[in-house]
Amino acid sequence: MVADSDSNIAWHRVQLKKNRAELKALETARFTMGEIATSKRNGQTQKTIVELKRKIAQSERAIADHDKRTRRPLATDLQSLSNGSWSHWDAYTQQQRKSGQRSSGRG
């Protein structure tokens, strides 16, 4: 995994991993050991599962928003490239455009 320069996103990635593992453990235990429908713990377990799913969704949204803003498309087919925003990937700076300069990219 690539290190994140944004500490908030790094925190969300760690929380996402931790919450998914905890949710998996809870659901596995629930189906392995079974639960009695009238159990008080059943209600608490259900609340915990709902809360974990909410936290997972929140972290997934934060990470997806960050990735959408910062990552370039990995694929280079026409469809992938046409869906991306090219406004920040210009090879020429504003100054070069104004003066009409272009550096030759050919060796």
C-alpha atoms as a PDB file:
ATOM      1  CA  MET A   1       0.000   0.000   0.000  1.00  0.00           C
ATOM      2  CA  VAL A   2       1.268   3.476  -0.849  1.00  0.00           C
ATOM      3  CA  ALA A   3       1.803   5.855   2.046  1.00  0.00           C
ATOM      4  CA  ASP A   4      -0.711   8.690   2.185  1.00  0.00           C
ATOM      5  CA  SER A   5       0.492  12.257   2.523  1.00  0.00           C
ATOM      6  CA  ASP A   6      -2.911  13.183   3.949  1.00  0.00           C
ATOM      7  CA  SER A   7      -3.034  11.914   7.548  1.00  0.00           C
ATOM      8  CA  ASN A   8      -6.850  11.957   7.552  1.00  0.00           C
ATOM      9  CA  ILE A   9      -6.964   9.519   4.626  1.00  0.00           C
ATOM     10  CA  ALA A  10      -4.293   7.340   6.251  1.00  0.00           C
ATOM     11  CA  TRP A  11      -6.413   7.253   9.415  1.00  0.00           C
ATOM     12  CA  HIS A  12      -9.520   6.265   7.400  1.00  0.00           C
ATOM     13  CA  ARG A  13      -7.590   3.449   5.695  1.00  0.00           C
ATOM     14  CA  VAL A  14      -6.467   2.068   9.073  1.00  0.00           C
ATOM     15  CA  GLN A  15      -9.977   2.392  10.530  1.00  0.00           C
ATOM     16  CA  LEU A  16     -11.465   0.694   7.469  1.00  0.00           C
ATOM     17  CA  LYS A  17      -9.134  -2.293   7.845  1.00  0.00           C
ATOM     18  CA  LYS A  18      -9.749  -2.507  11.613  1.00  0.00           C
ATOM     19  CA  ASN A  19     -13.553  -2.167  11.332  1.00  0.00           C
ATOM     20  CA  ARG A  20     -13.792  -4.737   8.526  1.00  0.00           C
ATOM     21  CA  ALA A  21     -11.813  -7.227  10.614  1.00  0.00           C
ATOM     22  CA  GLU A  22     -13.994  -6.574  13.670  1.00  0.00           C
ATOM     23  CA  LEU A  23     -17.200  -6.907  11.620  1.00  0.00           C
ATOM     24  CA  LYS A  24     -15.961 -10.163  10.101  1.00  0.00           C
ATOM     25  CA  ALA A  25     -15.115 -11.525  13.560  1.00  0.00           C
ATOM     26  CA  LEU A  26     -18.536 -10.540  14.947  1.00  0.00           C
ATOM     27  CA  GLU A  27     -20.451 -12.039  12.042  1.00  0.00           C
ATOM     28  CA  THR A  28     -18.345 -15.198  12.082  1.00  0.00           C
ATOM     29  CA  ALA A  29     -18.924 -15.632  15.809  1.00  0.00           C
ATOM     30  CA  ARG A  30     -22.625 -14.949  15.380  1.00  0.00           C
ATOM     31  CA  PHE A  31     -23.013 -17.706  12.793  1.00  0.00           C
ATOM     32  CA  THR A  32     -20.547 -20.115  14.394  1.00  0.00           C
ATOM     33  CA  MET A  33     -21.927 -19.995  17.915  1.00  0.00           C
ATOM     34  CA  GLY A  34     -25.445 -18.925  17.049  1.00  0.00           C
ATOM     35  CA  GLU A  35     -27.580 -16.477  18.949  1.00  0.00           C
ATOM     36  CA  ILE A  36     -30.783 -16.829  20.871  1.00  0.00           C
ATOM     37  CA  ALA A  37     -33.402 -14.464  19.504  1.00  0.00           C
ATOM     38  CA  THR A  38     -34.479 -13.216  22.929  1.00  0.00           C
ATOM     39  CA  SER A  39     -30.967 -12.624  24.179  1.00  0.00           C
ATOM     40  CA  LYS A  40     -30.114  -9.094  25.371  1.00  0.00           C
ATOM     41  CA  ARG A  41     -26.704  -9.544  23.823  1.00  0.00           C
ATOM     42  CA  ASN A  42     -28.334 -10.125  20.457  1.00  0.00           C
ATOM     43  CA  GLY A  43     -29.631  -6.562  20.435  1.00  0.00           C
ATOM     44  CA  GLN A  44     -26.245  -5.194  21.459  1.00  0.00           C
ATOM     45  CA  THR A  45     -24.464  -7.290  18.829  1.00  0.00           C
ATOM     46  CA  GLN A  46     -26.873  -6.051  16.182  1.00  0.00           C
ATOM     47  CA  LYS A  47     -26.259  -2.422  17.234  1.00  0.00           C
ATOM     48  CA  THR A  48     -22.517  -2.993  17.081  1.00  0.00           C
ATOM     49  CA  ILE A  49     -22.784  -4.502  13.592  1.00  0.00           C
ATOM     50  CA  VAL A  50     -24.899  -1.575  12.360  1.00  0.00           C
ATOM     51  CA  GLU A  51     -22.419   0.916  13.854  1.00  0.00           C
ATOM     52  CA  LEU A  52     -19.442  -0.871  12.263  1.00  0.00           C
ATOM     53  CA  LYS A  53     -21.164  -0.899   8.869  1.00  0.00           C
ATOM     54  CA  ARG A  54     -21.841   2.839   9.216  1.00  0.00           C
ATOM     55  CA  LYS A  55     -18.193   3.529  10.072  1.00  0.00           C
ATOM     56  CA  ILE A  56     -17.008   1.361   7.174  1.00  0.00           C
ATOM     57  CA  ALA A  57     -19.257   3.229   4.731  1.00  0.00           C
ATOM     58  CA  GLN A  58     -18.053   6.586   6.061  1.00  0.00           C
ATOM     59  CA  SER A  59     -14.385   5.616   5.639  1.00  0.00           C
ATOM     60  CA  GLU A  60     -15.035   4.169   2.174  1.00  0.00           C
ATOM     61  CA  ARG A  61     -16.681   7.439   1.092  1.00  0.00           C
ATOM     62  CA  ALA A  62     -13.788   9.535   2.426  1.00  0.00           C
ATOM     63  CA  ILE A  63     -11.207   7.348   0.681  1.00  0.00           C
ATOM     64  CA  ALA A  64     -13.185   7.256  -2.585  1.00  0.00           C
ATOM     65  CA  ASP A  65     -13.551  11.051  -2.591  1.00  0.00           C
ATOM     66  CA  HIS A  66      -9.823  11.445  -1.985  1.00  0.00           C
ATOM     67  CA  ASP A  67      -8.923   8.923  -4.703  1.00  0.00           C
ATOM     68  CA  LYS A  68     -11.268  10.589  -7.173  1.00  0.00           C
ATOM     69  CA  ARG A  69      -9.560  13.938  -6.551  1.00  0.00           C
ATOM     70  CA  THR A  70      -5.956  12.733  -6.624  1.00  0.00           C
ATOM     71  CA  ARG A  71      -5.463   9.577  -8.685  1.00  0.00           C
ATOM     72  CA  ARG A  72      -4.914   9.282 -12.379  1.00  0.00           C
ATOM     73  CA  PRO A  73      -6.658   6.479 -14.262  1.00  0.00           C
ATOM     74  CA  LEU A  74      -4.612   3.285 -14.236  1.00  0.00           C
ATOM     75  CA  ALA A  75      -5.916   2.039 -17.569  1.00  0.00           C
ATOM     76  CA  THR A  76      -4.977   3.761 -20.802  1.00  0.00           C
ATOM     77  CA  ASP A  77      -7.876   2.740 -23.000  1.00  0.00           C
ATOM     78  CA  LEU A  78      -9.922   5.512 -24.620  1.00  0.00           C
ATOM     79  CA  GLN A  79     -12.934   5.004 -22.338  1.00  0.00           C
ATOM     80  CA  SER A  80     -10.869   5.310 -19.141  1.00  0.00           C
ATOM     81  CA  LEU A  81      -8.976   8.322 -20.396  1.00  0.00           C
ATOM     82  CA  SER A  82     -12.101  10.144 -21.565  1.00  0.00           C
ATOM     83  CA  ASN A  83     -13.753   9.786 -18.126  1.00  0.00           C
ATOM     84  CA  GLY A  84     -10.878  11.458 -16.259  1.00  0.00           C
ATOM     85  CA  SER A  85     -10.320  15.136 -15.583  1.00  0.00           C
ATOM     86  CA  TRP A  86      -7.363  16.379 -17.589  1.00  0.00           C
ATOM     87  CA  SER A  87      -7.302  19.923 -16.218  1.00  0.00           C
ATOM     88  CA  HIS A  88      -4.353  19.258 -13.874  1.00  0.00           C
ATOM     89  CA  TRP A  89      -2.338  17.006 -16.169  1.00  0.00           C
ATOM     90  CA  ASP A  90      -1.254  19.568 -18.712  1.00  0.00           C
ATOM     91  CA  ALA A  91       2.345  19.222 -19.872  1.00  0.00           C
ATOM     92  CA  TYR A  92       2.724  22.973 -20.322  1.00  0.00           C
ATOM     93  CA  THR A  93       2.592  25.629 -17.631  1.00  0.00           C
ATOM     94  CA  GLN A  94       0.598  28.843 -17.940  1.00  0.00           C
ATOM     95  CA  GLN A  95       3.844  30.799 -18.468  1.00  0.00           C
ATOM     96  CA  GLN A  96       4.954  28.557 -21.334  1.00  0.00           C
ATOM     97  CA  ARG A  97       1.564  28.948 -23.018  1.00  0.00           C
ATOM     98  CA  LYS A  98       1.648  32.751 -22.775  1.00  0.00           C
ATOM     99  CA  SER A  99       5.133  33.058 -24.218  1.00  0.00           C
ATOM    100  CA  GLY A 100       4.579  30.379 -26.838  1.00  0.00           C
ATOM    101  CA  GLN A 101       7.485  28.305 -25.575  1.00  0.00           C
ATOM    102  CA  ARG A 102       7.363  24.577 -25.776  1.00  0.00           C
ATOM    103  CA  SER A 103      10.099  22.356 -24.548  1.00  0.00           C
ATOM    104  CA  SER A 104      10.948  19.597 -26.947  1.00  0.00           C
ATOM    105  CA  GLY A 105      10.093  16.344 -25.286  1.00  0.00           C
ATOM    106  CA  ARG A 106      12.026  14.419 -27.926  1.00  0.00           C
ATOM    107  CA  GLY A 107      15.538  13.257 -27.215  1.00  0.00           C
END
